[in-house]
């Protein structure tokens, strides 16, 4: 018999198919505040059991799993955060993204269980599934969940906000408006980086107290203010630069085009529209985060989907924008800019 070619390894398939185990281990560690505790001081197994209330049956396996996954280090029986965990998972650090992961755990995780239903029906699987309110109405009705969602959006976007503050030519601008501003972190970062700028956060009325709280932390309230409105109905703010971050993917193609057209109408000649998202790569084969985000939009919205930078540039061209360009931002994010 001829020698057969060796079979490919199933390891990658198994890693992806069972990745929920690693995800829930990390999410449990965040819920139990493992990383914040170790941010105060490295600790032994016994010290962590006492501090976090862990049962001894599986505490060692749990902590050592976090070592194997790269979130903790261990030396001579003492556990500590790895550098990425120290920066991004310690709640006492301003760079912490735990809120985003908490939102994924408490909200998105259960909706992803219904992905096959969504793929067959094309219908969302969140509150809308049972005739409930829209995502944003449902959030506004529950202040605790609303705070978690908005904090998650800040955690998701912080690196992009810092990059936008560096990469866009803000020296020629005086006024900006962040359309769909959430907590207002982009406004905060722009105001901190560019003292000449005055900004507006534009969002639904229920967002205002969360915006005010976040802006107050950075002492830029004299140059950043909130305007309540519905960006499909109410006039967009008067500004040199309009920004839409993680906004367009919530909406259908017609709604995306309508929002871009409204931005074009609102801007002065020479003004700019900045759009940023986890945009799918043009070949639709490498930015898995963008594609998975689009599936999240299937689960969460009636018509939303993510898109490529080329798609976005074409929509801007259709609306009358010129001099379009794209720039990579940290992680999976991309920024597209058009001039009125």
Protein backbone atom coordinates (compact mmCIF):
# COMPACT_ATOMS: atom_id res chain seq x y z
CA UNK A 1 0.00 0.00 0.00
CA UNK A 2 1.17 3.49 -0.78
CA UNK A 3 2.08 5.70 2.14
CA UNK A 4 -0.72 8.08 2.75
CA UNK A 5 -0.09 11.77 3.34
CA UNK A 6 -0.31 12.61 7.04
CA UNK A 7 -3.66 13.97 8.14
CA UNK A 8 -3.79 17.66 9.02
CA UNK A 9 -3.91 18.37 12.73
CA UNK A 10 -7.37 19.03 14.22
CA UNK A 11 -5.82 21.21 16.94
CA UNK A 12 -6.93 24.54 15.47
CA UNK A 13 -10.48 23.28 14.98
CA UNK A 14 -10.61 22.07 18.57
CA UNK A 15 -9.11 25.32 19.87
CA UNK A 16 -11.78 27.41 18.15
CA UNK A 17 -14.64 25.02 18.86
CA UNK A 18 -13.91 24.91 22.57
CA UNK A 19 -12.66 28.46 23.00
CA UNK A 20 -15.69 29.24 25.16
CA UNK A 21 -13.82 27.52 28.01
CA UNK A 22 -10.91 29.95 27.85
CA UNK A 23 -13.30 32.87 27.42
CA UNK A 24 -15.35 31.97 30.48
CA UNK A 25 -12.18 31.39 32.53
CA UNK A 26 -11.02 34.92 31.72
CA UNK A 27 -14.49 36.38 32.29
CA UNK A 28 -14.78 34.60 35.64
CA UNK A 29 -11.42 36.03 36.67
CA UNK A 30 -12.68 39.51 35.83
CA UNK A 31 -15.90 38.97 37.79
CA UNK A 32 -13.90 37.69 40.77
CA UNK A 33 -11.48 40.66 40.51
CA UNK A 34 -8.40 38.46 40.29
CA UNK A 35 -6.43 41.04 38.32
CA UNK A 36 -7.33 43.97 40.56
CA UNK A 37 -6.32 41.95 43.63
CA UNK A 38 -2.97 41.08 42.08
CA UNK A 39 -2.56 44.69 41.02
CA UNK A 40 -2.31 45.52 44.71
CA UNK A 41 0.37 42.87 45.35
CA UNK A 42 1.44 39.43 44.08
CA UNK A 43 -0.07 36.62 46.15
CA UNK A 44 0.11 32.92 46.89
CA UNK A 45 -2.65 30.42 46.23
CA UNK A 46 -3.74 30.47 49.88
CA UNK A 47 -3.76 34.28 49.96
CA UNK A 48 -5.89 34.47 46.83
CA UNK A 49 -8.29 31.83 48.12
CA UNK A 50 -8.83 33.94 51.25
CA UNK A 51 -8.97 37.29 49.47
CA UNK A 52 -11.28 36.24 46.63
CA UNK A 53 -13.37 33.63 48.43
CA UNK A 54 -12.24 30.75 46.18
CA UNK A 55 -13.05 27.16 47.12
CA UNK A 56 -9.87 25.05 47.38
CA UNK A 57 -11.24 22.26 45.17
CA UNK A 58 -10.39 24.00 41.89
CA UNK A 59 -8.68 27.25 42.84
CA UNK A 60 -5.26 25.98 41.82
CA UNK A 61 -6.52 24.71 38.46
CA UNK A 62 -8.29 28.02 37.88
CA UNK A 63 -5.26 30.18 38.61
CA UNK A 64 -2.88 27.89 36.74
CA UNK A 65 -5.23 27.95 33.75
CA UNK A 66 -4.84 31.75 33.80
CA UNK A 67 -1.07 31.19 33.80
CA UNK A 68 -1.32 28.83 30.82
CA UNK A 69 -3.54 31.32 28.99
CA UNK A 70 -0.98 34.08 29.48
CA UNK A 71 -2.90 36.30 31.90
CA UNK A 72 -0.94 35.47 35.06
CA UNK A 73 2.66 34.67 35.85
CA UNK A 74 3.78 32.38 38.68
CA UNK A 75 7.14 32.11 40.37
CA UNK A 76 7.89 30.07 43.51
CA UNK A 77 4.17 29.68 44.12
CA UNK A 78 3.44 33.42 43.92
CA UNK A 79 1.02 34.69 41.27
CA UNK A 80 1.18 38.07 39.55
CA UNK A 81 -0.39 39.79 36.57
CA UNK A 82 1.38 39.58 33.23
CA UNK A 83 2.10 43.03 31.70
CA UNK A 84 -1.02 43.04 29.43
CA UNK A 85 -3.26 41.94 32.31
CA UNK A 86 -1.73 44.60 34.57
CA UNK A 87 -2.45 47.34 32.03
CA UNK A 88 -5.87 46.29 30.77
CA UNK A 89 -7.57 44.16 33.45
CA UNK A 90 -6.79 45.91 36.74
CA UNK A 91 -9.86 48.04 37.52
CA UNK A 92 -7.74 50.65 39.25
CA UNK A 93 -5.93 51.46 36.00
CA UNK A 94 -7.34 54.09 33.65
CA UNK A 95 -6.51 51.76 30.75
CA UNK A 96 -8.75 48.94 32.07
CA UNK A 97 -11.04 47.29 29.49
CA UNK A 98 -12.85 45.02 31.95
CA UNK A 99 -16.15 46.81 31.30
CA UNK A 100 -16.10 45.68 27.68
CA UNK A 101 -15.51 42.08 28.68
CA UNK A 102 -18.19 42.28 31.38
CA UNK A 103 -20.66 43.46 28.78
CA UNK A 104 -19.69 40.55 26.54
CA UNK A 105 -20.22 38.15 29.43
CA UNK A 106 -23.46 39.51 30.84
CA UNK A 107 -25.13 40.52 27.61
CA UNK A 108 -23.66 39.13 24.38
CA UNK A 109 -22.67 35.65 25.52
CA UNK A 110 -26.26 34.38 25.75
CA UNK A 111 -27.27 35.92 22.43
CA UNK A 112 -24.47 34.13 20.59
CA UNK A 113 -26.07 30.85 21.65
CA UNK A 114 -28.82 31.73 19.17
CA UNK A 115 -26.54 32.44 16.21
CA UNK A 116 -27.89 29.53 14.10
CA UNK A 117 -31.42 30.91 14.54
CA UNK A 118 -30.26 34.36 13.48
CA UNK A 119 -28.45 32.98 10.44
CA UNK A 120 -31.60 31.17 9.30
CA UNK A 121 -34.06 33.98 10.04
CA UNK A 122 -32.01 37.16 9.59
CA UNK A 123 -33.64 38.41 12.80
CA UNK A 124 -31.99 39.80 15.96
CA UNK A 125 -31.80 37.61 19.04
CA UNK A 126 -31.71 40.20 21.84
CA UNK A 127 -34.70 42.06 23.37
CA UNK A 128 -36.06 42.57 19.86
CA UNK A 129 -36.54 38.81 19.49
CA UNK A 130 -39.61 38.84 21.71
CA UNK A 131 -41.03 42.14 20.49
CA UNK A 132 -39.10 44.19 23.02
CA UNK A 133 -37.70 47.67 22.65
CA UNK A 134 -34.75 48.57 20.46
CA UNK A 135 -31.31 47.99 21.91
CA UNK A 136 -30.91 51.64 22.86
CA UNK A 137 -34.41 51.94 24.39
CA UNK A 138 -33.84 48.74 26.37
CA UNK A 139 -30.53 50.08 27.68
CA UNK A 140 -32.04 53.43 28.63
CA UNK A 141 -34.70 51.64 30.68
CA UNK A 142 -32.05 49.97 32.86
CA UNK A 143 -29.48 52.48 34.18
CA UNK A 144 -27.12 49.79 35.50
CA UNK A 145 -27.06 47.96 32.16
CA UNK A 146 -26.81 51.29 30.34
CA UNK A 147 -23.75 52.27 32.38
CA UNK A 148 -22.15 48.89 31.66
CA UNK A 149 -22.78 49.25 27.92
CA UNK A 150 -21.44 52.82 27.74
CA UNK A 151 -18.39 51.92 29.82
CA UNK A 152 -17.80 49.02 27.45
CA UNK A 153 -17.91 51.39 24.48
CA UNK A 154 -15.27 53.58 26.16
CA UNK A 155 -13.08 50.54 26.81
CA UNK A 156 -13.52 49.34 23.23
CA UNK A 157 -12.64 52.70 21.71
CA UNK A 158 -10.01 54.28 23.98
CA UNK A 159 -7.00 53.24 21.87
CA UNK A 160 -8.75 54.46 18.72
CA UNK A 161 -9.59 57.78 20.38
CA UNK A 162 -5.98 58.38 21.32
CA UNK A 163 -4.87 57.52 17.78
CA UNK A 164 -7.48 59.80 16.20
CA UNK A 165 -6.26 62.63 18.42
CA UNK A 166 -2.76 62.07 16.96
CA UNK A 167 -3.46 61.17 13.34
CA UNK A 168 -6.13 63.66 12.23
CA UNK A 169 -4.90 67.22 11.41
CA UNK A 170 -6.72 68.94 14.25
CA UNK A 171 -4.58 72.08 14.08
CA UNK A 172 -6.88 73.45 11.37
CA UNK A 173 -10.10 72.77 13.31
CA UNK A 174 -11.85 74.66 16.09
CA UNK A 175 -15.11 72.77 16.65
CA UNK A 176 -15.92 69.09 16.49
CA UNK A 177 -18.99 66.99 17.23
CA UNK A 178 -18.97 63.31 18.16
CA UNK A 179 -22.19 61.84 16.78
CA UNK A 180 -23.34 58.96 18.98
CA UNK A 181 -20.84 59.95 21.65
CA UNK A 182 -21.65 57.44 24.43
CA UNK A 183 -19.69 58.49 27.55
CA UNK A 184 -17.84 61.14 25.57
CA UNK A 185 -14.37 59.63 25.73
CA UNK A 186 -13.43 60.81 22.23
CA UNK A 187 -14.41 64.35 23.18
CA UNK A 188 -12.32 64.08 26.34
CA UNK A 189 -9.23 62.79 24.52
CA UNK A 190 -9.47 65.44 21.80
CA UNK A 191 -9.94 68.25 24.30
CA UNK A 192 -7.00 67.02 26.38
CA UNK A 193 -4.71 66.72 23.36
CA UNK A 194 -5.71 69.95 21.55
CA UNK A 195 -6.40 72.97 23.79
CA UNK A 196 -7.84 75.01 20.91
CA UNK A 197 -10.70 72.55 20.32
CA UNK A 198 -14.27 72.90 21.54
CA UNK A 199 -16.49 69.85 21.22
CA UNK A 200 -20.03 68.55 21.37
CA UNK A 201 -21.16 65.08 22.31
CA UNK A 202 -24.40 64.32 20.46
CA UNK A 203 -26.52 61.38 21.62
CA UNK A 204 -29.91 60.36 22.98
CA UNK A 205 -31.11 62.20 26.12
CA UNK A 206 -30.62 59.18 28.42
CA UNK A 207 -26.86 59.30 27.76
CA UNK A 208 -26.35 62.81 29.17
CA UNK A 209 -25.69 61.99 32.86
CA UNK A 210 -23.10 59.35 31.93
CA UNK A 211 -21.45 61.82 29.55
CA UNK A 212 -21.38 64.57 32.19
CA UNK A 213 -19.84 62.23 34.76
CA UNK A 214 -17.08 61.09 32.40
CA UNK A 215 -16.22 64.59 31.18
CA UNK A 216 -16.08 65.89 34.76
CA UNK A 217 -13.37 63.34 35.58
CA UNK A 218 -11.05 65.01 33.08
CA UNK A 219 -11.93 68.64 33.88
CA UNK A 220 -12.69 69.63 30.27
CA UNK A 221 -16.31 70.63 30.82
CA UNK A 222 -15.53 74.23 29.90
CA UNK A 223 -14.82 73.13 26.30
CA UNK A 224 -16.96 70.01 25.89
CA UNK A 225 -20.74 69.93 26.21
CA UNK A 226 -23.60 67.53 25.54
CA UNK A 227 -26.42 68.06 23.04
CA UNK A 228 -29.36 65.67 23.14
CA UNK A 229 -30.88 64.50 19.89
CA UNK A 230 -31.75 61.75 17.45
CA UNK A 231 -29.29 61.80 14.55
CA UNK A 232 -31.96 60.59 12.11
CA UNK A 233 -34.37 63.39 13.04
CA UNK A 234 -32.68 66.35 14.70
CA UNK A 235 -30.18 68.73 13.07
CA UNK A 236 -26.58 67.67 13.53
CA UNK A 237 -24.39 70.11 15.47
CA UNK A 238 -22.53 72.91 13.74
CA UNK A 239 -18.87 71.84 13.58
CA UNK A 240 -15.74 71.76 11.42
CA UNK A 241 -15.38 68.01 11.97
CA UNK A 242 -18.09 65.42 12.55
CA UNK A 243 -17.10 62.02 13.91
CA UNK A 244 -19.12 58.80 13.78
CA UNK A 245 -17.46 56.00 15.72
CA UNK A 246 -19.06 52.55 15.98
CA UNK A 247 -22.28 54.13 14.74
CA UNK A 248 -22.85 53.15 11.12
CA UNK A 249 -22.61 49.42 11.76
CA UNK A 250 -25.81 49.59 13.84
CA UNK A 251 -27.89 50.45 10.79
CA UNK A 252 -29.06 49.16 7.41
CA UNK A 253 -27.47 50.24 4.14
CA UNK A 254 -30.16 52.85 3.46
CA UNK A 255 -29.78 54.21 7.00
CA UNK A 256 -25.99 54.31 6.67
CA UNK A 257 -26.30 56.34 3.46
CA UNK A 258 -28.86 58.64 5.09
CA UNK A 259 -26.55 59.40 8.04
CA UNK A 260 -23.60 60.13 5.75
CA UNK A 261 -25.81 62.41 3.64
CA UNK A 262 -26.97 64.26 6.76
CA UNK A 263 -23.35 64.77 7.79
CA UNK A 264 -22.51 66.15 4.34
CA UNK A 265 -25.40 68.57 4.57
CA UNK A 266 -24.41 69.74 8.07
CA UNK A 267 -20.71 70.36 7.40
CA UNK A 268 -19.28 73.58 6.00
CA UNK A 269 -17.28 73.47 2.76
CA UNK A 270 -13.86 72.15 3.72
CA UNK A 271 -15.23 70.39 6.80
CA UNK A 272 -14.48 66.73 7.44
CA UNK A 273 -16.38 63.58 8.34
CA UNK A 274 -14.43 60.94 10.28
CA UNK A 275 -15.85 57.42 10.46
CA UNK A 276 -14.16 54.67 12.45
CA UNK A 277 -15.11 51.06 13.11
CA UNK A 278 -13.58 47.59 13.21
CA UNK A 279 -13.83 47.68 9.42
CA UNK A 280 -13.62 44.42 7.50
CA UNK A 281 -10.55 44.14 5.26
CA UNK A 282 -11.33 44.76 1.58
CA UNK A 283 -10.62 41.12 0.68
CA UNK A 284 -12.94 40.00 3.52
CA UNK A 285 -10.56 37.29 4.68
CA UNK A 286 -8.24 38.52 7.43
CA UNK A 287 -9.92 40.92 9.87
CA UNK A 288 -11.84 38.32 11.85
CA UNK A 289 -12.78 40.92 14.48
CA UNK A 290 -14.61 43.01 11.90
CA UNK A 291 -16.48 39.99 10.54
CA UNK A 292 -17.39 38.75 14.02
CA UNK A 293 -18.59 42.24 14.90
CA UNK A 294 -20.87 42.11 11.87
CA UNK A 295 -22.37 38.88 13.21
CA UNK A 296 -22.87 40.69 16.52
CA UNK A 297 -24.89 43.29 14.62
CA UNK A 298 -27.04 40.48 13.24
CA UNK A 299 -27.79 39.40 16.80
CA UNK A 300 -28.35 42.92 18.15
CA UNK A 301 -30.01 45.00 15.40
CA UNK A 302 -32.72 44.78 12.74
CA UNK A 303 -30.51 45.72 9.80
CA UNK A 304 -26.99 46.53 10.99
CA UNK A 305 -23.81 45.09 9.52
CA UNK A 306 -20.12 45.91 9.35
CA UNK A 307 -18.36 46.88 6.14
CA UNK A 308 -15.05 47.49 4.42
CA UNK A 309 -13.18 50.77 4.14
CA UNK A 310 -13.77 50.57 0.37
CA UNK A 311 -17.52 50.36 1.00
CA UNK A 312 -17.35 53.38 3.30
CA UNK A 313 -15.34 55.42 0.80
CA UNK A 314 -17.89 54.66 -1.91
CA UNK A 315 -20.78 55.79 0.32
CA UNK A 316 -18.92 59.02 1.06
CA UNK A 317 -18.34 59.57 -2.66
CA UNK A 318 -22.03 59.04 -3.37
CA UNK A 319 -22.92 61.69 -0.77
CA UNK A 320 -20.60 64.26 -2.38
CA UNK A 321 -17.50 64.00 -0.19
CA UNK A 322 -14.06 64.30 -1.77
CA UNK A 323 -10.43 63.56 -0.94
CA UNK A 324 -11.36 60.34 0.89
CA UNK A 325 -8.61 58.43 2.64
CA UNK A 326 -8.25 55.63 5.14
CA UNK A 327 -5.90 55.15 8.08
CA UNK A 328 -5.32 52.13 10.27
CA UNK A 329 -5.95 52.57 13.97
CA UNK A 330 -4.90 50.22 16.78
CA UNK A 331 -6.19 46.67 16.73
CA UNK A 332 -8.94 45.93 14.22
CA UNK A 333 -10.00 49.57 13.84
CA UNK A 334 -9.83 51.70 10.68
CA UNK A 335 -10.62 55.39 10.17
CA UNK A 336 -12.05 56.77 6.92
CA UNK A 337 -11.99 60.55 6.33
CA UNK A 338 -13.85 62.57 3.73
CA UNK A 339 -13.87 66.33 3.00
CA UNK A 340 -17.05 68.31 2.25
